[in-house]
């Protein structure tokens, strides 16, 4: 099946490249958004690689999560933007735990600095 931005049957097909090319110049923040999306997709694919290395089927993950195998497939192929709780449930289903860290943000394009909520000073 081919969508406007990629092919869901080809996990190597990354629709973000097509979307990025379409929006480049139209949205000054697109580079930062695309970068963040790439990182999320890489994380989901890493989780799928871990599942495969453990010899756990998508069907077993689905059963443990209380969902369907097609949902697990869409999750692994980064065809949706899951909530953190879904990532946590998936990790638990493969006997793992997600560890999150908070790091300084990258400077915004155009020289704008991020301001921490509740603070008047830029980071």
PDB file of N, CA and C in Angstrom:
ATOM      1  N   UNK A   1       0.850  -1.171   0.000  1.00  0.00           N
ATOM      2  CA  UNK A   1       0.000   0.000   0.000  1.00  0.00           C
ATOM      3  C   UNK A   1       0.897   1.236   0.000  1.00  0.00           C
ATOM      4  N   UNK A   2       0.628   2.165  -0.886  1.00  0.00           N
ATOM      5  CA  UNK A   2       1.419   3.384  -0.963  1.00  0.00           C
ATOM      6  C   UNK A   2       0.568   4.568  -0.540  1.00  0.00           C
ATOM      7  N   UNK A   3       1.081   5.340   0.376  1.00  0.00           N
ATOM      8  CA  UNK A   3       0.423   6.562   0.822  1.00  0.00           C
ATOM      9  C   UNK A   3       1.107   7.730   0.127  1.00  0.00           C
ATOM     10  N   UNK A   4       0.625   8.924   0.367  1.00  0.00           N
ATOM     11  CA  UNK A   4       1.238  10.092  -0.267  1.00  0.00           C
ATOM     12  C   UNK A   4       2.701  10.215   0.110  1.00  0.00           C
ATOM     13  N   UNK A   5       3.028   9.892   1.342  1.00  0.00           N
ATOM     14  CA  UNK A   5       4.396  10.032   1.823  1.00  0.00           C
ATOM     15  C   UNK A   5       4.972   8.691   2.248  1.00  0.00           C
ATOM     16  N   UNK A   6       5.167   7.779   1.322  1.00  0.00           N
ATOM     17  CA  UNK A   6       5.867   6.549   1.649  1.00  0.00           C
ATOM     18  C   UNK A   6       5.063   5.297   1.408  1.00  0.00           C
ATOM     19  N   UNK A   7       5.684   4.173   1.704  1.00  0.00           N
ATOM     20  CA  UNK A   7       5.129   2.866   1.455  1.00  0.00           C
ATOM     21  C   UNK A   7       5.158   2.084   2.767  1.00  0.00           C
ATOM     22  N   UNK A   8       3.982   1.754   3.302  1.00  0.00           N
ATOM     23  CA  UNK A   8       3.944   1.079   4.605  1.00  0.00           C
ATOM     24  C   UNK A   8       4.480  -0.340   4.523  1.00  0.00           C
ATOM     25  N   UNK A   9       4.566  -0.917   3.314  1.00  0.00           N
ATOM     26  CA  UNK A   9       5.095  -2.269   3.172  1.00  0.00           C
ATOM     27  C   UNK A   9       6.620  -2.280   3.125  1.00  0.00           C
ATOM     28  N   UNK A  10       7.234  -1.119   3.048  1.00  0.00           N
ATOM     29  CA  UNK A  10       8.688  -1.007   2.985  1.00  0.00           C
ATOM     30  C   UNK A  10       9.179  -0.219   4.194  1.00  0.00           C
ATOM     31  N   UNK A  11       9.680  -0.922   5.244  1.00  0.00           N
ATOM     32  CA  UNK A  11      10.103  -0.216   6.454  1.00  0.00           C
ATOM     33  C   UNK A  11      11.270   0.737   6.215  1.00  0.00           C
ATOM     34  N   UNK A  12      11.997   0.554   5.119  1.00  0.00           N
ATOM     35  CA  UNK A  12      13.107   1.452   4.813  1.00  0.00           C
ATOM     36  C   UNK A  12      12.625   2.743   4.164  1.00  0.00           C
ATOM     37  N   UNK A  13      11.384   2.737   3.662  1.00  0.00           N
ATOM     38  CA  UNK A  13      10.830   3.929   3.034  1.00  0.00           C
ATOM     39  C   UNK A  13      10.470   4.915   4.134  1.00  0.00           C
ATOM     40  N   UNK A  14      11.078   6.080   4.097  1.00  0.00           N
ATOM     41  CA  UNK A  14      10.826   7.064   5.139  1.00  0.00           C
ATOM     42  C   UNK A  14      10.096   8.250   4.541  1.00  0.00           C
ATOM     43  N   UNK A  15       8.822   8.328   4.809  1.00  0.00           N
ATOM     44  CA  UNK A  15       7.985   9.378   4.243  1.00  0.00           C
ATOM     45  C   UNK A  15       8.371  10.766   4.728  1.00  0.00           C
ATOM     46  N   UNK A  16       9.154  10.845   5.787  1.00  0.00           N
ATOM     47  CA  UNK A  16       9.556  12.154   6.289  1.00  0.00           C
ATOM     48  C   UNK A  16      10.380  12.919   5.259  1.00  0.00           C
ATOM     49  N   UNK A  17      11.159  12.208   4.457  1.00  0.00           N
ATOM     50  CA  UNK A  17      11.971  12.879   3.441  1.00  0.00           C
ATOM     51  C   UNK A  17      11.084  13.588   2.426  1.00  0.00           C
ATOM     52  N   UNK A  18      10.016  12.913   1.980  1.00  0.00           N
ATOM     53  CA  UNK A  18       9.093  13.515   1.020  1.00  0.00           C
ATOM     54  C   UNK A  18       8.355  14.698   1.638  1.00  0.00           C
ATOM     55  N   UNK A  19       7.894  14.518   2.855  1.00  0.00           N
ATOM     56  CA  UNK A  19       7.189  15.593   3.547  1.00  0.00           C
ATOM     57  C   UNK A  19       8.123  16.783   3.758  1.00  0.00           C
ATOM     58  N   UNK A  20       9.340  16.508   4.146  1.00  0.00           N
ATOM     59  CA  UNK A  20      10.310  17.570   4.389  1.00  0.00           C
ATOM     60  C   UNK A  20      10.562  18.359   3.105  1.00  0.00           C
ATOM     61  N   UNK A  21      10.733  17.657   2.000  1.00  0.00           N
ATOM     62  CA  UNK A  21      10.969  18.332   0.722  1.00  0.00           C
ATOM     63  C   UNK A  21       9.781  19.206   0.329  1.00  0.00           C
ATOM     64  N   UNK A  22       8.566  18.729   0.578  1.00  0.00           N
ATOM     65  CA  UNK A  22       7.355  19.491   0.247  1.00  0.00           C
ATOM     66  C   UNK A  22       7.242  20.765   1.084  1.00  0.00           C
ATOM     67  N   UNK A  23       7.632  20.688   2.355  1.00  0.00           N
ATOM     68  CA  UNK A  23       7.421  21.807   3.281  1.00  0.00           C
ATOM     69  C   UNK A  23       8.624  22.726   3.425  1.00  0.00           C
ATOM     70  N   UNK A  24       9.794  22.303   2.931  1.00  0.00           N
ATOM     71  CA  UNK A  24      11.017  23.087   3.073  1.00  0.00           C
ATOM     72  C   UNK A  24      10.795  24.495   2.544  1.00  0.00           C
ATOM     73  N   UNK A  25      11.090  25.460   3.333  1.00  0.00           N
ATOM     74  CA  UNK A  25      10.913  26.850   2.936  1.00  0.00           C
ATOM     75  C   UNK A  25       9.544  27.393   3.315  1.00  0.00           C
ATOM     76  N   UNK A  26       8.532  26.532   3.372  1.00  0.00           N
ATOM     77  CA  UNK A  26       7.186  26.978   3.725  1.00  0.00           C
ATOM     78  C   UNK A  26       7.036  27.136   5.237  1.00  0.00           C
ATOM     79  N   UNK A  27       7.829  26.425   5.986  1.00  0.00           N
ATOM     80  CA  UNK A  27       7.737  26.439   7.445  1.00  0.00           C
ATOM     81  C   UNK A  27       9.151  26.526   8.008  1.00  0.00           C
ATOM     82  N   UNK A  28       9.506  27.648   8.620  1.00  0.00           N
ATOM     83  CA  UNK A  28      10.874  27.815   9.108  1.00  0.00           C
ATOM     84  C   UNK A  28      11.276  26.810  10.190  1.00  0.00           C
ATOM     85  N   UNK A  29      10.336  26.203  10.876  1.00  0.00           N
ATOM     86  CA  UNK A  29      10.658  25.244  11.933  1.00  0.00           C
ATOM     87  C   UNK A  29      10.641  23.803  11.475  1.00  0.00           C
ATOM     88  N   UNK A  30      10.473  23.573  10.174  1.00  0.00           N
ATOM     89  CA  UNK A  30      10.302  22.206   9.686  1.00  0.00           C
ATOM     90  C   UNK A  30      11.522  21.331   9.953  1.00  0.00           C
ATOM     91  N   UNK A  31      12.728  21.884   9.850  1.00  0.00           N
ATOM     92  CA  UNK A  31      13.925  21.076  10.087  1.00  0.00           C
ATOM     93  C   UNK A  31      13.934  20.493  11.499  1.00  0.00           C
ATOM     94  N   UNK A  32      13.573  21.308  12.479  1.00  0.00           N
ATOM     95  CA  UNK A  32      13.548  20.856  13.870  1.00  0.00           C
ATOM     96  C   UNK A  32      12.453  19.802  14.081  1.00  0.00           C
ATOM     97  N   UNK A  33      11.296  20.009  13.471  1.00  0.00           N
ATOM     98  CA  UNK A  33      10.204  19.050  13.600  1.00  0.00           C
ATOM     99  C   UNK A  33      10.555  17.727  12.946  1.00  0.00           C
ATOM    100  N   UNK A  34      11.153  17.777  11.769  1.00  0.00           N
ATOM    101  CA  UNK A  34      11.528  16.555  11.060  1.00  0.00           C
ATOM    102  C   UNK A  34      12.603  15.808  11.839  1.00  0.00           C
ATOM    103  N   UNK A  35      13.548  16.526  12.407  1.00  0.00           N
ATOM    104  CA  UNK A  35      14.601  15.899  13.199  1.00  0.00           C
ATOM    105  C   UNK A  35      14.012  15.159  14.404  1.00  0.00           C
ATOM    106  N   UNK A  36      13.081  15.794  15.085  1.00  0.00           N
ATOM    107  CA  UNK A  36      12.434  15.159  16.245  1.00  0.00           C
ATOM    108  C   UNK A  36      11.647  13.923  15.810  1.00  0.00           C
ATOM    109  N   UNK A  37      10.957  14.008  14.676  1.00  0.00           N
ATOM    110  CA  UNK A  37      10.194  12.862  14.175  1.00  0.00           C
ATOM    111  C   UNK A  37      11.126  11.715  13.800  1.00  0.00           C
ATOM    112  N   UNK A  38      12.266  12.038  13.201  1.00  0.00           N
ATOM    113  CA  UNK A  38      13.241  10.992  12.861  1.00  0.00           C
ATOM    114  C   UNK A  38      13.725  10.279  14.115  1.00  0.00           C
ATOM    115  N   UNK A  39      13.980  11.032  15.166  1.00  0.00           N
ATOM    116  CA  UNK A  39      14.434  10.430  16.421  1.00  0.00           C
ATOM    117  C   UNK A  39      13.368   9.509  17.008  1.00  0.00           C
ATOM    118  N   UNK A  40      12.099   9.953  16.966  1.00  0.00           N
ATOM    119  CA  UNK A  40      11.013   9.094  17.475  1.00  0.00           C
ATOM    120  C   UNK A  40      10.907   7.820  16.658  1.00  0.00           C
ATOM    121  N   UNK A  41      10.983   7.939  15.332  1.00  0.00           N
ATOM    122  CA  UNK A  41      10.891   6.763  14.465  1.00  0.00           C
ATOM    123  C   UNK A  41      12.053   5.810  14.716  1.00  0.00           C
ATOM    124  N   UNK A  42      13.241   6.347  14.889  1.00  0.00           N
ATOM    125  CA  UNK A  42      14.401   5.496  15.156  1.00  0.00           C
ATOM    126  C   UNK A  42      14.213   4.738  16.466  1.00  0.00           C
ATOM    127  N   UNK A  43      13.642   5.403  17.458  1.00  0.00           N
ATOM    128  CA  UNK A  43      13.385   4.762  18.747  1.00  0.00           C
ATOM    129  C   UNK A  43      12.380   3.613  18.595  1.00  0.00           C
ATOM    130  N   UNK A  44      11.304   3.843  17.856  1.00  0.00           N
ATOM    131  CA  UNK A  44      10.306   2.789  17.662  1.00  0.00           C
ATOM    132  C   UNK A  44      10.902   1.611  16.901  1.00  0.00           C
ATOM    133  N   UNK A  45      11.721   1.902  15.917  1.00  0.00           N
ATOM    134  CA  UNK A  45      12.363   0.822  15.157  1.00  0.00           C
ATOM    135  C   UNK A  45      13.359   0.061  16.029  1.00  0.00           C
ATOM    136  N   UNK A  46      14.037   0.770  16.926  1.00  0.00           N
ATOM    137  CA  UNK A  46      14.956   0.115  17.857  1.00  0.00           C
ATOM    138  C   UNK A  46      14.181  -0.853  18.761  1.00  0.00           C
ATOM    139  N   UNK A  47      12.992  -0.426  19.188  1.00  0.00           N
ATOM    140  CA  UNK A  47      12.170  -1.298  20.025  1.00  0.00           C
ATOM    141  C   UNK A  47      11.781  -2.559  19.249  1.00  0.00           C
ATOM    142  N   UNK A  48      11.435  -2.399  17.972  1.00  0.00           N
ATOM    143  CA  UNK A  48      11.070  -3.548  17.137  1.00  0.00           C
ATOM    144  C   UNK A  48      12.265  -4.480  16.946  1.00  0.00           C
ATOM    145  N   UNK A  49      13.446  -3.903  16.742  1.00  0.00           N
ATOM    146  CA  UNK A  49      14.658  -4.720  16.606  1.00  0.00           C
ATOM    147  C   UNK A  49      14.912  -5.528  17.872  1.00  0.00           C
ATOM    148  N   UNK A  50      14.688  -4.905  19.016  1.00  0.00           N
ATOM    149  CA  UNK A  50      14.866  -5.603  20.296  1.00  0.00           C
ATOM    150  C   UNK A  50      13.875  -6.756  20.418  1.00  0.00           C
ATOM    151  N   UNK A  51      12.622  -6.519  20.034  1.00  0.00           N
ATOM    152  CA  UNK A  51      11.615  -7.587  20.074  1.00  0.00           C
ATOM    153  C   UNK A  51      12.056  -8.768  19.226  1.00  0.00           C
ATOM    154  N   UNK A  52      12.492  -8.474  18.004  1.00  0.00           N
ATOM    155  CA  UNK A  52      12.928  -9.547  17.101  1.00  0.00           C
ATOM    156  C   UNK A  52      14.128 -10.302  17.680  1.00  0.00           C
ATOM    157  N   UNK A  53      15.073  -9.567  18.277  1.00  0.00           N
ATOM    158  CA  UNK A  53      16.259 -10.224  18.842  1.00  0.00           C
ATOM    159  C   UNK A  53      15.891 -11.137  20.014  1.00  0.00           C
ATOM    160  N   UNK A  54      14.795 -10.832  20.678  1.00  0.00           N
ATOM    161  CA  UNK A  54      14.328 -11.655  21.796  1.00  0.00           C
ATOM    162  C   UNK A  54      13.467 -12.828  21.334  1.00  0.00           C
ATOM    163  N   UNK A  55      13.138 -12.863  20.030  1.00  0.00           N
ATOM    164  CA  UNK A  55      12.326 -13.953  19.487  1.00  0.00           C
ATOM    165  C   UNK A  55      10.862 -13.879  19.876  1.00  0.00           C
ATOM    166  N   UNK A  56      10.366 -12.668  20.126  1.00  0.00           N
ATOM    167  CA  UNK A  56       8.967 -12.475  20.511  1.00  0.00           C
ATOM    168  C   UNK A  56       8.192 -12.014  19.273  1.00  0.00           C
ATOM    169  N   UNK A  57       7.073 -12.645  18.997  1.00  0.00           N
ATOM    170  CA  UNK A  57       6.273 -12.290  17.823  1.00  0.00           C
ATOM    171  C   UNK A  57       5.439 -11.036  18.076  1.00  0.00           C
ATOM    172  N   UNK A  58       5.047 -10.396  16.989  1.00  0.00           N
ATOM    173  CA  UNK A  58       4.137  -9.250  17.108  1.00  0.00           C
ATOM    174  C   UNK A  58       2.825  -9.688  17.748  1.00  0.00           C
ATOM    175  N   UNK A  59       2.372 -10.886  17.421  1.00  0.00           N
ATOM    176  CA  UNK A  59       1.115 -11.386  17.996  1.00  0.00           C
ATOM    177  C   UNK A  59       1.214 -11.526  19.511  1.00  0.00           C
ATOM    178  N   UNK A  60       2.360 -11.991  19.989  1.00  0.00           N
ATOM    179  CA  UNK A  60       2.550 -12.135  21.438  1.00  0.00           C
ATOM    180  C   UNK A  60       2.591 -10.762  22.097  1.00  0.00           C
ATOM    181  N   UNK A  61       3.273  -9.809  21.471  1.00  0.00           N
ATOM    182  CA  UNK A  61       3.313  -8.447  22.015  1.00  0.00           C
ATOM    183  C   UNK A  61       1.894  -7.893  22.082  1.00  0.00           C
ATOM    184  N   UNK A  62       1.139  -8.088  21.008  1.00  0.00           N
ATOM    185  CA  UNK A  62      -0.243  -7.593  20.966  1.00  0.00           C
ATOM    186  C   UNK A  62      -1.073  -8.196  22.092  1.00  0.00           C
ATOM    187  N   UNK A  63      -0.930  -9.492  22.299  1.00  0.00           N
ATOM    188  CA  UNK A  63      -1.688 -10.161  23.365  1.00  0.00           C
ATOM    189  C   UNK A  63      -1.311  -9.584  24.730  1.00  0.00           C
ATOM    190  N   UNK A  64      -0.025  -9.388  24.951  1.00  0.00           N
ATOM    191  CA  UNK A  64       0.439  -8.857  26.236  1.00  0.00           C
ATOM    192  C   UNK A  64      -0.001  -7.407  26.447  1.00  0.00           C
ATOM    193  N   UNK A  65      -0.117  -6.662  25.350  1.00  0.00           N
ATOM    194  CA  UNK A  65      -0.540  -5.256  25.445  1.00  0.00           C
ATOM    195  C   UNK A  65      -2.051  -5.106  25.461  1.00  0.00           C
ATOM    196  N   UNK A  66      -2.766  -6.166  25.082  1.00  0.00           N
ATOM    197  CA  UNK A  66      -4.224  -6.072  24.993  1.00  0.00           C
ATOM    198  C   UNK A  66      -4.669  -5.323  23.757  1.00  0.00           C
ATOM    199  N   UNK A  67      -3.952  -5.517  22.659  1.00  0.00           N
ATOM    200  CA  UNK A  67      -4.286  -4.837  21.406  1.00  0.00           C
ATOM    201  C   UNK A  67      -4.181  -5.835  20.260  1.00  0.00           C
ATOM    202  N   UNK A  68      -4.159  -5.351  19.041  1.00  0.00           N
ATOM    203  CA  UNK A  68      -4.114  -6.234  17.874  1.00  0.00           C
ATOM    204  C   UNK A  68      -2.714  -6.273  17.255  1.00  0.00           C
ATOM    205  N   UNK A  69      -2.427  -7.338  16.514  1.00  0.00           N
ATOM    206  CA  UNK A  69      -1.149  -7.456  15.819  1.00  0.00           C
ATOM    207  C   UNK A  69      -0.979  -6.351  14.779  1.00  0.00           C
ATOM    208  N   UNK A  70      -2.031  -5.975  14.011  1.00  0.00           N
ATOM    209  CA  UNK A  70      -1.850  -4.867  13.065  1.00  0.00           C
ATOM    210  C   UNK A  70      -1.459  -3.555  13.751  1.00  0.00           C
ATOM    211  N   UNK A  71      -1.977  -3.314  14.955  1.00  0.00           N
ATOM    212  CA  UNK A  71      -1.583  -2.115  15.693  1.00  0.00           C
ATOM    213  C   UNK A  71      -0.097  -2.162  16.030  1.00  0.00           C
ATOM    214  N   UNK A  72       0.374  -3.324  16.480  1.00  0.00           N
ATOM    215  CA  UNK A  72       1.787  -3.475  16.817  1.00  0.00           C
ATOM    216  C   UNK A  72       2.643  -3.239  15.566  1.00  0.00           C
ATOM    217  N   UNK A  73       2.211  -3.744  14.433  1.00  0.00           N
ATOM    218  CA  UNK A  73       2.938  -3.529  13.183  1.00  0.00           C
ATOM    219  C   UNK A  73       3.025  -2.042  12.838  1.00  0.00           C
ATOM    220  N   UNK A  74       1.901  -1.335  12.946  1.00  0.00           N
ATOM    221  CA  UNK A  74       1.905   0.113  12.664  1.00  0.00           C
ATOM    222  C   UNK A  74       2.808   0.853  13.650  1.00  0.00           C
ATOM    223  N   UNK A  75       2.772   0.432  14.896  1.00  0.00           N
ATOM    224  CA  UNK A  75       3.635   1.021  15.929  1.00  0.00           C
ATOM    225  C   UNK A  75       5.109   0.846  15.542  1.00  0.00           C
ATOM    226  N   UNK A  76       5.485  -0.388  15.204  1.00  0.00           N
ATOM    227  CA  UNK A  76       6.875  -0.692  14.885  1.00  0.00           C
ATOM    228  C   UNK A  76       7.363   0.007  13.622  1.00  0.00           C
ATOM    229  N   UNK A  77       6.471   0.216  12.681  1.00  0.00           N
ATOM    230  CA  UNK A  77       6.847   0.884  11.434  1.00  0.00           C
ATOM    231  C   UNK A  77       6.693   2.397  11.533  1.00  0.00           C
ATOM    232  N   UNK A  78       6.427   2.874  12.745  1.00  0.00           N
ATOM    233  CA  UNK A  78       6.313   4.314  13.013  1.00  0.00           C
ATOM    234  C   UNK A  78       5.250   4.972  12.134  1.00  0.00           C
ATOM    235  N   UNK A  79       4.144   4.276  11.924  1.00  0.00           N
ATOM    236  CA  UNK A  79       3.060   4.819  11.118  1.00  0.00           C
ATOM    237  C   UNK A  79       2.042   5.559  11.966  1.00  0.00           C
ATOM    238  N   UNK A  80       2.348   5.707  13.232  1.00  0.00           N
ATOM    239  CA  UNK A  80       1.507   6.482  14.136  1.00  0.00           C
ATOM    240  C   UNK A  80       2.417   7.183  15.119  1.00  0.00           C
ATOM    241  N   UNK A  81       1.878   8.103  15.833  1.00  0.00           N
ATOM    242  CA  UNK A  81       2.645   8.861  16.824  1.00  0.00           C
ATOM    243  C   UNK A  81       2.136   8.441  18.198  1.00  0.00           C
ATOM    244  N   UNK A  82       2.731   7.393  18.776  1.00  0.00           N
ATOM    245  CA  UNK A  82       2.179   6.829  19.999  1.00  0.00           C
ATOM    246  C   UNK A  82       2.393   7.705  21.227  1.00  0.00           C
ATOM    247  N   UNK A  83       1.511   7.517  22.182  1.00  0.00           N
ATOM    248  CA  UNK A  83       1.672   8.169  23.478  1.00  0.00           C
ATOM    249  C   UNK A  83       2.792   7.464  24.227  1.00  0.00           C
ATOM    250  N   UNK A  84       3.384   8.163  25.177  1.00  0.00           N
ATOM    251  CA  UNK A  84       4.451   7.554  25.975  1.00  0.00           C
ATOM    252  C   UNK A  84       3.952   6.307  26.690  1.00  0.00           C
ATOM    253  N   UNK A  85       2.701   6.325  27.116  1.00  0.00           N
ATOM    254  CA  UNK A  85       2.170   5.152  27.820  1.00  0.00           C
ATOM    255  C   UNK A  85       2.118   3.935  26.898  1.00  0.00           C
ATOM    256  N   UNK A  86       1.908   4.143  25.606  1.00  0.00           N
ATOM    257  CA  UNK A  86       1.917   3.032  24.648  1.00  0.00           C
ATOM    258  C   UNK A  86       3.332   2.502  24.489  1.00  0.00           C
ATOM    259  N   UNK A  87       4.310   3.384  24.423  1.00  0.00           N
ATOM    260  CA  UNK A  87       5.708   2.949  24.365  1.00  0.00           C
ATOM    261  C   UNK A  87       6.054   2.136  25.611  1.00  0.00           C
ATOM    262  N   UNK A  88       5.578   2.591  26.770  1.00  0.00           N
ATOM    263  CA  UNK A  88       5.837   1.886  28.029  1.00  0.00           C
ATOM    264  C   UNK A  88       5.206   0.496  28.017  1.00  0.00           C
ATOM    265  N   UNK A  89       3.974   0.401  27.520  1.00  0.00           N
ATOM    266  CA  UNK A  89       3.279  -0.897  27.457  1.00  0.00           C
ATOM    267  C   UNK A  89       3.997  -1.846  26.508  1.00  0.00           C
ATOM    268  N   UNK A  90       4.433  -1.335  25.364  1.00  0.00           N
ATOM    269  CA  UNK A  90       5.172  -2.154  24.403  1.00  0.00           C
ATOM    270  C   UNK A  90       6.460  -2.661  25.052  1.00  0.00           C
ATOM    271  N   UNK A  91       7.207  -1.754  25.673  1.00  0.00           N
ATOM    272  CA  UNK A  91       8.462  -2.142  26.331  1.00  0.00           C
ATOM    273  C   UNK A  91       8.206  -3.230  27.370  1.00  0.00           C
ATOM    274  N   UNK A  92       7.169  -3.063  28.185  1.00  0.00           N
ATOM    275  CA  UNK A  92       6.843  -4.068  29.201  1.00  0.00           C
ATOM    276  C   UNK A  92       6.495  -5.402  28.551  1.00  0.00           C
ATOM    277  N   UNK A  93       5.830  -5.357  27.407  1.00  0.00           N
ATOM    278  CA  UNK A  93       5.433  -6.581  26.707  1.00  0.00           C
ATOM    279  C   UNK A  93       6.633  -7.365  26.197  1.00  0.00           C
ATOM    280  N   UNK A  94       7.761  -6.685  25.996  1.00  0.00           N
ATOM    281  CA  UNK A  94       8.975  -7.391  25.566  1.00  0.00           C
ATOM    282  C   UNK A  94       9.986  -7.525  26.709  1.00  0.00           C
ATOM    283  N   UNK A  95       9.524  -7.237  27.918  1.00  0.00           N
ATOM    284  CA  UNK A  95      10.383  -7.399  29.086  1.00  0.00           C
ATOM    285  C   UNK A  95      11.419  -6.309  29.250  1.00  0.00           C
ATOM    286  N   UNK A  96      11.077  -5.135  28.793  1.00  0.00           N
ATOM    287  CA  UNK A  96      11.996  -4.004  28.873  1.00  0.00           C
ATOM    288  C   UNK A  96      11.297  -2.822  29.519  1.00  0.00           C
ATOM    289  N   UNK A  97      12.056  -1.769  29.795  1.00  0.00           N
ATOM    290  CA  UNK A  97      11.522  -0.541  30.379  1.00  0.00           C
ATOM    291  C   UNK A  97      12.112   0.634  29.622  1.00  0.00           C
ATOM    292  N   UNK A  98      11.302   1.652  29.366  1.00  0.00           N
ATOM    293  CA  UNK A  98      11.772   2.856  28.689  1.00  0.00           C
ATOM    294  C   UNK A  98      12.373   3.785  29.735  1.00  0.00           C
ATOM    295  N   UNK A  99      13.581   4.268  29.466  1.00  0.00           N
ATOM    296  CA  UNK A  99      14.233   5.240  30.345  1.00  0.00           C
ATOM    297  C   UNK A  99      14.278   6.565  29.599  1.00  0.00           C
ATOM    298  N   UNK A 100      13.695   7.599  30.180  1.00  0.00           N
ATOM    299  CA  UNK A 100      13.668   8.912  29.541  1.00  0.00           C
ATOM    300  C   UNK A 100      14.595   9.863  30.289  1.00  0.00           C
ATOM    301  N   UNK A 101      15.208  10.747  29.530  1.00  0.00           N
ATOM    302  CA  UNK A 101      16.050  11.769  30.138  1.00  0.00           C
ATOM    303  C   UNK A 101      15.653  13.122  29.586  1.00  0.00           C
ATOM    304  N   UNK A 102      15.931  14.147  30.327  1.00  0.00           N
ATOM    305  CA  UNK A 102      15.656  15.513  29.904  1.00  0.00           C
ATOM    306  C   UNK A 102      16.997  16.164  29.596  1.00  0.00           C
ATOM    307  N   UNK A 103      17.123  16.661  28.376  1.00  0.00           N
ATOM    308  CA  UNK A 103      18.378  17.280  27.952  1.00  0.00           C
ATOM    309  C   UNK A 103      18.100  18.692  27.455  1.00  0.00           C
ATOM    310  N   UNK A 104      19.120  19.550  27.431  1.00  0.00           N
ATOM    311  CA  UNK A 104      18.903  20.908  26.910  1.00  0.00           C
ATOM    312  C   UNK A 104      18.444  20.863  25.459  1.00  0.00           C
ATOM    313  N   UNK A 105      17.553  21.770  25.111  1.00  0.00           N
ATOM    314  CA  UNK A 105      17.072  21.808  23.733  1.00  0.00           C
ATOM    315  C   UNK A 105      18.124  22.435  22.843  1.00  0.00           C
ATOM    316  N   UNK A 106      17.999  22.129  21.559  1.00  0.00           N
ATOM    317  CA  UNK A 106      18.891  22.728  20.572  1.00  0.00           C
ATOM    318  C   UNK A 106      18.429  24.150  20.324  1.00  0.00           C
ATOM    319  N   UNK A 107      19.355  25.054  19.990  1.00  0.00           N
ATOM    320  CA  UNK A 107      18.936  26.423  19.661  1.00  0.00           C
ATOM    321  C   UNK A 107      17.955  26.396  18.493  1.00  0.00           C
ATOM    322  N   UNK A 108      16.967  27.256  18.560  1.00  0.00           N
ATOM    323  CA  UNK A 108      15.970  27.326  17.497  1.00  0.00           C
ATOM    324  C   UNK A 108      16.524  28.057  16.296  1.00  0.00           C
ATOM    325  N   UNK A 109      15.992  27.697  15.144  1.00  0.00           N
ATOM    326  CA  UNK A 109      16.411  28.343  13.906  1.00  0.00           C
ATOM    327  C   UNK A 109      16.080  29.831  13.963  1.00  0.00           C
ATOM    328  N   UNK A 110      16.956  30.649  13.440  1.00  0.00           N
ATOM    329  CA  UNK A 110      16.722  32.084  13.442  1.00  0.00           C
ATOM    330  C   UNK A 110      17.265  32.762  14.686  1.00  0.00           C
ATOM    331  N   UNK A 111      18.011  32.009  15.512  1.00  0.00           N
ATOM    332  CA  UNK A 111      18.642  32.605  16.671  1.00  0.00           C
ATOM    333  C   UNK A 111      17.739  32.758  17.875  1.00  0.00           C
ATOM    334  N   UNK A 112      16.505  32.283  17.811  1.00  0.00           N
ATOM    335  CA  UNK A 112      15.609  32.392  18.961  1.00  0.00           C
ATOM    336  C   UNK A 112      16.027  31.384  20.009  1.00  0.00           C
ATOM    337  N   UNK A 113      15.907  31.760  21.252  1.00  0.00           N
ATOM    338  CA  UNK A 113      16.268  30.869  22.338  1.00  0.00           C
ATOM    339  C   UNK A 113      15.011  30.360  23.015  1.00  0.00           C
ATOM    340  N   UNK A 114      15.111  29.152  23.559  1.00  0.00           N
ATOM    341  CA  UNK A 114      13.987  28.577  24.280  1.00  0.00           C
ATOM    342  C   UNK A 114      13.893  29.203  25.665  1.00  0.00           C
ATOM    343  N   UNK A 115      12.689  29.446  26.125  1.00  0.00           N
ATOM    344  CA  UNK A 115      12.473  29.963  27.472  1.00  0.00           C
ATOM    345  C   UNK A 115      11.770  28.882  28.270  1.00  0.00           C
ATOM    346  N   UNK A 116      12.323  28.572  29.420  1.00  0.00           N
ATOM    347  CA  UNK A 116      11.733  27.569  30.294  1.00  0.00           C
ATOM    348  C   UNK A 116      10.474  28.149  30.918  1.00  0.00           C
ATOM    349  N   UNK A 117       9.333  27.406  30.855  1.00  0.00           N
ATOM    350  CA  UNK A 117       8.109  27.908  31.473  1.00  0.00           C
ATOM    351  C   UNK A 117       8.339  28.259  32.940  1.00  0.00           C
ATOM    352  N   UNK A 118       7.794  29.384  33.357  1.00  0.00           N
ATOM    353  CA  UNK A 118       7.952  29.841  34.736  1.00  0.00           C
ATOM    354  C   UNK A 118       9.232  30.618  34.956  1.00  0.00           C
ATOM    355  N   UNK A 119       9.982  30.827  33.883  1.00  0.00           N
ATOM    356  CA  UNK A 119      11.239  31.555  33.974  1.00  0.00           C
ATOM    357  C   UNK A 119      11.250  32.660  32.942  1.00  0.00           C
ATOM    358  N   UNK A 120      11.851  33.769  33.254  1.00  0.00           N
ATOM    359  CA  UNK A 120      11.918  34.845  32.291  1.00  0.00           C
ATOM    360  C   UNK A 120      13.262  34.857  31.563  1.00  0.00           C
ATOM    361  N   UNK A 121      14.151  33.927  31.933  1.00  0.00           N
ATOM    362  CA  UNK A 121      15.464  33.943  31.303  1.00  0.00           C
ATOM    363  C   UNK A 121      15.567  32.835  30.246  1.00  0.00           C
ATOM    364  N   UNK A 122      16.143  33.186  29.094  1.00  0.00           N
ATOM    365  CA  UNK A 122      16.320  32.178  28.036  1.00  0.00           C
ATOM    366  C   UNK A 122      17.361  31.154  28.436  1.00  0.00           C
ATOM    367  N   UNK A 123      17.203  29.991  27.889  1.00  0.00           N
ATOM    368  CA  UNK A 123      18.169  28.918  28.119  1.00  0.00           C
ATOM    369  C   UNK A 123      19.301  29.038  27.142  1.00  0.00           C
TER     370      UNK A 123
END
